[in-house]
């Protein structure tokens, strides 16, 4: 019976959610773009209510300038959409983008991103998450994991008792976390790094800024969890991958410079 239920669930994922990411990676997504945009807009509004929004017009203009450059080179239909940008007055070294074309940048990140190219790398990376619909994948993976645990719980309830049942359920939870959810997130991060470099190079920002940003981040970071238990690649793994991919976008960067000139966004002093 459990095998039949599992096969039915897997078939539903294949029928309703099989697509490809912008890099050609296979994806499973169960939610519509409209549903994700609604959730993204709701989350964005909540964050703006909870966080202190910066009123520094120079900083806001700087972040908006870089975002506008990146949006102008995005694939359709993304370049024609209205992307909202909010700068948060917060020392956290952070940025995000949410479905619904919502971008948030924290002032702490602007301090660490020493050049426009470095900030473009972060914003491009976050936009990459949205365009690749990683949030949809993440929610789908949580649903699939929850379904698997529910099936496991039902089986354990029928077949095992007492301490043995508790141990089995704990193992199911840990296994789901380590072997499914966390590696998936590392895949998303690496894919967004690649997409972010594509966008920044096409907009005329030196792709070397991406790896340098992560050197800055690594210098500021304290003790990091082991990569095996992390949702993000280790800083050095990330830097190595960015340096390797840089050669693939260098021609795009040089072409953008020759055709449109260098970006004119200037970081406020």
Protein backbone atom coordinates (compact mmCIF):
# COMPACT_ATOMS: atom_id res chain seq x y z
CA UNK A 1 0.00 0.00 0.00
CA UNK A 2 2.78 2.45 0.98
CA UNK A 3 4.60 1.79 -2.26
CA UNK A 4 1.44 2.57 -4.24
CA UNK A 5 0.86 5.80 -2.33
CA UNK A 6 4.47 6.86 -2.84
CA UNK A 7 4.32 6.14 -6.57
CA UNK A 8 1.09 8.12 -6.85
CA UNK A 9 2.68 11.11 -5.12
CA UNK A 10 5.77 10.93 -7.34
CA UNK A 11 3.56 10.72 -10.43
CA UNK A 12 1.68 13.83 -9.34
CA UNK A 13 4.96 15.75 -9.06
CA UNK A 14 6.02 14.64 -12.53
CA UNK A 15 2.69 15.45 -14.15
CA UNK A 16 2.05 18.82 -12.54
CA UNK A 17 5.46 20.34 -11.91
CA UNK A 18 8.21 19.18 -14.29
CA UNK A 19 10.06 22.16 -15.86
CA UNK A 20 13.59 23.41 -16.48
CA UNK A 21 15.50 26.21 -14.78
CA UNK A 22 17.25 28.96 -16.81
CA UNK A 23 20.44 26.88 -16.71
CA UNK A 24 18.68 23.73 -17.98
CA UNK A 25 18.39 22.00 -14.61
CA UNK A 26 15.28 19.87 -14.10
CA UNK A 27 12.80 21.34 -11.63
CA UNK A 28 9.62 20.28 -9.86
CA UNK A 29 7.20 23.10 -9.05
CA UNK A 30 3.68 22.69 -7.76
CA UNK A 31 2.68 26.34 -7.36
CA UNK A 32 1.63 28.89 -9.96
CA UNK A 33 3.51 32.12 -10.61
CA UNK A 34 0.52 34.09 -9.37
CA UNK A 35 0.44 32.15 -6.11
CA UNK A 36 4.15 32.75 -5.56
CA UNK A 37 3.83 36.46 -6.40
CA UNK A 38 1.02 36.82 -3.87
CA UNK A 39 3.11 35.16 -1.17
CA UNK A 40 6.15 37.25 -2.12
CA UNK A 41 4.19 40.50 -1.98
CA UNK A 42 2.72 39.59 1.40
CA UNK A 43 6.15 38.73 2.81
CA UNK A 44 7.68 41.91 1.40
CA UNK A 45 4.98 44.09 2.99
CA UNK A 46 5.52 42.35 6.33
CA UNK A 47 9.28 42.88 6.20
CA UNK A 48 8.85 46.57 5.41
CA UNK A 49 6.53 46.89 8.41
CA UNK A 50 9.00 45.18 10.73
CA UNK A 51 12.30 46.64 9.50
CA UNK A 52 13.50 50.24 9.53
CA UNK A 53 13.41 51.57 5.97
CA UNK A 54 16.29 53.89 5.08
CA UNK A 55 15.53 57.48 4.11
CA UNK A 56 19.05 58.10 2.77
CA UNK A 57 18.22 59.24 -0.75
CA UNK A 58 21.82 58.90 -1.93
CA UNK A 59 21.96 55.25 -0.90
CA UNK A 60 18.50 54.55 -2.26
CA UNK A 61 19.44 56.13 -5.60
CA UNK A 62 22.67 54.13 -5.73
CA UNK A 63 20.92 50.78 -5.17
CA UNK A 64 18.15 51.72 -7.60
CA UNK A 65 20.70 52.71 -10.25
CA UNK A 66 22.41 49.31 -10.11
CA UNK A 67 19.08 47.48 -10.04
CA UNK A 68 17.86 49.40 -13.09
CA UNK A 69 21.02 48.44 -14.99
CA UNK A 70 20.51 44.78 -14.17
CA UNK A 71 16.78 44.73 -14.92
CA UNK A 72 17.46 46.28 -18.35
CA UNK A 73 19.36 43.14 -19.44
CA UNK A 74 17.12 40.47 -17.91
CA UNK A 75 15.39 37.95 -20.17
CA UNK A 76 11.77 38.61 -21.05
CA UNK A 77 9.32 39.02 -19.46
CA UNK A 78 11.38 40.00 -16.43
CA UNK A 79 12.96 43.13 -17.92
CA UNK A 80 9.54 44.69 -18.57
CA UNK A 81 8.25 44.14 -15.04
CA UNK A 82 8.29 46.72 -12.27
CA UNK A 83 10.88 45.72 -9.68
CA UNK A 84 10.46 47.43 -6.32
CA UNK A 85 13.63 48.15 -4.34
CA UNK A 86 13.80 48.94 -0.62
CA UNK A 87 16.94 49.82 1.33
CA UNK A 88 16.74 48.79 4.98
CA UNK A 89 18.66 50.71 7.63
CA UNK A 90 20.16 47.66 9.25
CA UNK A 91 23.77 46.58 9.84
CA UNK A 92 23.01 43.00 8.77
CA UNK A 93 25.06 41.95 5.73
CA UNK A 94 22.04 40.81 3.78
CA UNK A 95 19.89 41.22 0.68
CA UNK A 96 16.96 39.32 -0.76
CA UNK A 97 14.53 39.17 -3.65
CA UNK A 98 11.04 37.72 -3.49
CA UNK A 99 8.48 36.63 -6.08
CA UNK A 100 6.44 39.60 -7.18
CA UNK A 101 9.62 41.45 -8.20
CA UNK A 102 10.54 42.64 -4.69
CA UNK A 103 14.15 43.44 -3.72
CA UNK A 104 15.54 44.35 -0.32
CA UNK A 105 19.10 45.50 0.41
CA UNK A 106 20.49 46.13 3.89
CA UNK A 107 22.89 48.98 4.58
CA UNK A 108 25.31 46.52 6.20
CA UNK A 109 25.72 44.81 2.84
CA UNK A 110 26.39 48.11 1.08
CA UNK A 111 29.31 48.63 3.47
CA UNK A 112 30.80 45.22 2.64
CA UNK A 113 30.18 45.55 -1.11
CA UNK A 114 32.95 48.05 -1.71
CA UNK A 115 32.25 48.71 -5.40
CA UNK A 116 29.17 48.92 -7.64
CA UNK A 117 30.23 45.66 -9.30
CA UNK A 118 30.24 43.86 -5.96
CA UNK A 119 26.76 45.13 -5.10
CA UNK A 120 25.60 44.23 -8.62
CA UNK A 121 26.79 40.67 -7.97
CA UNK A 122 24.57 40.40 -4.90
CA UNK A 123 21.49 41.99 -6.44
CA UNK A 124 21.94 39.92 -9.60
CA UNK A 125 22.25 36.80 -7.47
CA UNK A 126 19.02 37.58 -5.63
CA UNK A 127 17.19 38.35 -8.88
CA UNK A 128 18.44 34.97 -10.12
CA UNK A 129 16.59 33.26 -7.27
CA UNK A 130 13.34 34.84 -8.43
CA UNK A 131 13.81 34.18 -12.14
CA UNK A 132 14.80 30.55 -11.51
CA UNK A 133 11.76 30.21 -9.21
CA UNK A 134 13.79 28.75 -6.40
CA UNK A 135 11.12 29.75 -3.88
CA UNK A 136 8.61 27.61 -5.74
CA UNK A 137 11.03 24.69 -5.76
CA UNK A 138 11.75 25.16 -2.09
CA UNK A 139 8.07 25.10 -1.18
CA UNK A 140 7.54 22.07 -3.41
CA UNK A 141 10.42 20.26 -1.70
CA UNK A 142 8.93 21.04 1.71
CA UNK A 143 5.57 19.65 0.58
CA UNK A 144 7.24 16.51 -0.78
CA UNK A 145 9.28 16.07 2.39
CA UNK A 146 6.19 16.55 4.52
CA UNK A 147 4.31 13.99 2.48
CA UNK A 148 7.13 11.49 2.90
CA UNK A 149 7.25 12.03 6.66
CA UNK A 150 3.46 11.68 6.88
CA UNK A 151 3.62 8.38 5.02
CA UNK A 152 6.47 7.30 7.25
CA UNK A 153 4.57 8.25 10.36
CA UNK A 154 1.54 6.26 9.22
CA UNK A 155 3.72 3.20 8.55
CA UNK A 156 5.56 3.54 11.86
CA UNK A 157 2.27 3.84 13.71
CA UNK A 158 1.13 0.52 12.27
CA UNK A 159 4.38 -1.44 12.28
CA UNK A 160 6.48 -0.20 15.24
CA UNK A 161 5.93 0.73 18.84
CA UNK A 162 7.57 2.67 21.67
CA UNK A 163 11.22 3.76 21.50
CA UNK A 164 11.81 2.02 18.18
CA UNK A 165 9.13 4.11 16.51
CA UNK A 166 10.59 7.32 17.93
CA UNK A 167 14.08 6.44 16.67
CA UNK A 168 12.80 5.65 13.19
CA UNK A 169 10.86 8.94 12.99
CA UNK A 170 13.91 10.90 14.18
CA UNK A 171 16.03 9.23 11.49
CA UNK A 172 13.43 10.07 8.84
CA UNK A 173 13.55 13.73 9.86
CA UNK A 174 17.35 13.96 9.87
CA UNK A 175 17.63 12.08 6.58
CA UNK A 176 15.16 14.39 4.91
CA UNK A 177 17.08 17.43 6.13
CA UNK A 178 20.57 16.26 5.17
CA UNK A 179 19.95 14.32 1.98
CA UNK A 180 17.18 16.31 0.37
CA UNK A 181 16.43 19.82 1.65
CA UNK A 182 19.94 21.14 2.40
CA UNK A 183 21.71 19.95 -0.78
CA UNK A 184 18.83 21.37 -2.79
CA UNK A 185 19.46 24.80 -1.29
CA UNK A 186 23.16 24.63 -2.11
CA UNK A 187 22.17 23.91 -5.71
CA UNK A 188 19.98 27.00 -5.71
CA UNK A 189 22.76 29.18 -4.33
CA UNK A 190 25.27 28.00 -6.91
CA UNK A 191 22.79 28.44 -9.74
CA UNK A 192 21.96 31.97 -8.60
CA UNK A 193 25.66 32.82 -8.43
CA UNK A 194 25.93 31.82 -12.09
CA UNK A 195 22.81 33.74 -13.14
CA UNK A 196 23.92 36.78 -11.18
CA UNK A 197 27.23 36.83 -13.05
CA UNK A 198 25.37 36.52 -16.35
CA UNK A 199 23.27 39.57 -15.52
CA UNK A 200 26.05 41.74 -14.12
CA UNK A 201 28.33 41.02 -17.08
CA UNK A 202 25.55 41.83 -19.56
CA UNK A 203 24.98 45.12 -17.71
CA UNK A 204 28.66 46.05 -17.95
CA UNK A 205 29.72 45.29 -14.36
CA UNK A 206 33.09 43.59 -14.02
CA UNK A 207 32.33 39.93 -13.13
CA UNK A 208 35.52 39.83 -11.06
CA UNK A 209 33.51 41.73 -8.45
CA UNK A 210 31.50 38.61 -7.59
CA UNK A 211 34.43 36.63 -6.22
CA UNK A 212 35.87 39.71 -4.50
CA UNK A 213 32.59 40.28 -2.71
CA UNK A 214 32.79 36.80 -1.23
CA UNK A 215 36.37 37.39 -0.16
CA UNK A 216 35.09 40.42 1.72
CA UNK A 217 32.27 38.35 3.20
CA UNK A 218 34.66 35.59 4.26
CA UNK A 219 36.95 38.13 5.93
CA UNK A 220 34.03 39.42 7.99
CA UNK A 221 32.50 36.06 8.84
CA UNK A 222 33.15 34.27 12.07
CA UNK A 223 33.03 30.52 12.47
CA UNK A 224 30.99 28.95 9.68
CA UNK A 225 29.12 25.66 9.89
CA UNK A 226 30.61 22.79 7.87
CA UNK A 227 29.53 22.90 4.24
CA UNK A 228 27.93 19.46 4.61
CA UNK A 229 25.42 20.91 7.11
CA UNK A 230 24.97 24.27 5.42
CA UNK A 231 22.39 25.57 2.98
CA UNK A 232 25.12 27.66 1.33
CA UNK A 233 28.38 26.65 -0.30
CA UNK A 234 31.43 27.42 1.82
CA UNK A 235 33.00 30.81 0.98
CA UNK A 236 36.05 29.24 -0.68
CA UNK A 237 33.93 26.82 -2.71
CA UNK A 238 31.86 29.76 -3.84
CA UNK A 239 34.89 31.89 -4.70
CA UNK A 240 36.47 29.07 -6.71
CA UNK A 241 33.25 28.49 -8.67
CA UNK A 242 32.84 32.20 -9.39
CA UNK A 243 36.41 32.52 -10.58
CA UNK A 244 35.94 29.50 -12.83
CA UNK A 245 32.70 30.83 -14.33
CA UNK A 246 34.14 34.30 -14.83
CA UNK A 247 35.92 33.27 -18.03
CA UNK A 248 32.59 32.24 -19.56
CA UNK A 249 31.05 35.70 -19.12
CA UNK A 250 34.12 37.81 -19.84
CA UNK A 251 33.22 38.22 -23.52
CA UNK A 252 29.70 39.32 -22.56
CA UNK A 253 31.18 41.91 -20.21
CA UNK A 254 33.60 43.26 -22.82
CA UNK A 255 30.81 43.48 -25.40
CA UNK A 256 28.58 45.39 -22.98
CA UNK A 257 31.37 47.88 -22.28
CA UNK A 258 32.07 48.44 -25.96
CA UNK A 259 28.39 48.87 -26.87
CA UNK A 260 27.04 50.88 -23.94
CA UNK A 261 30.03 52.10 -21.97
CA UNK A 262 30.66 51.50 -18.30
CA UNK A 263 27.83 51.83 -15.75
CA UNK A 264 27.70 55.25 -14.09
CA UNK A 265 26.29 54.27 -10.67
CA UNK A 266 28.49 55.85 -7.97
CA UNK A 267 28.62 54.64 -4.39
CA UNK A 268 27.93 57.50 -1.95
CA UNK A 269 30.83 58.44 0.30
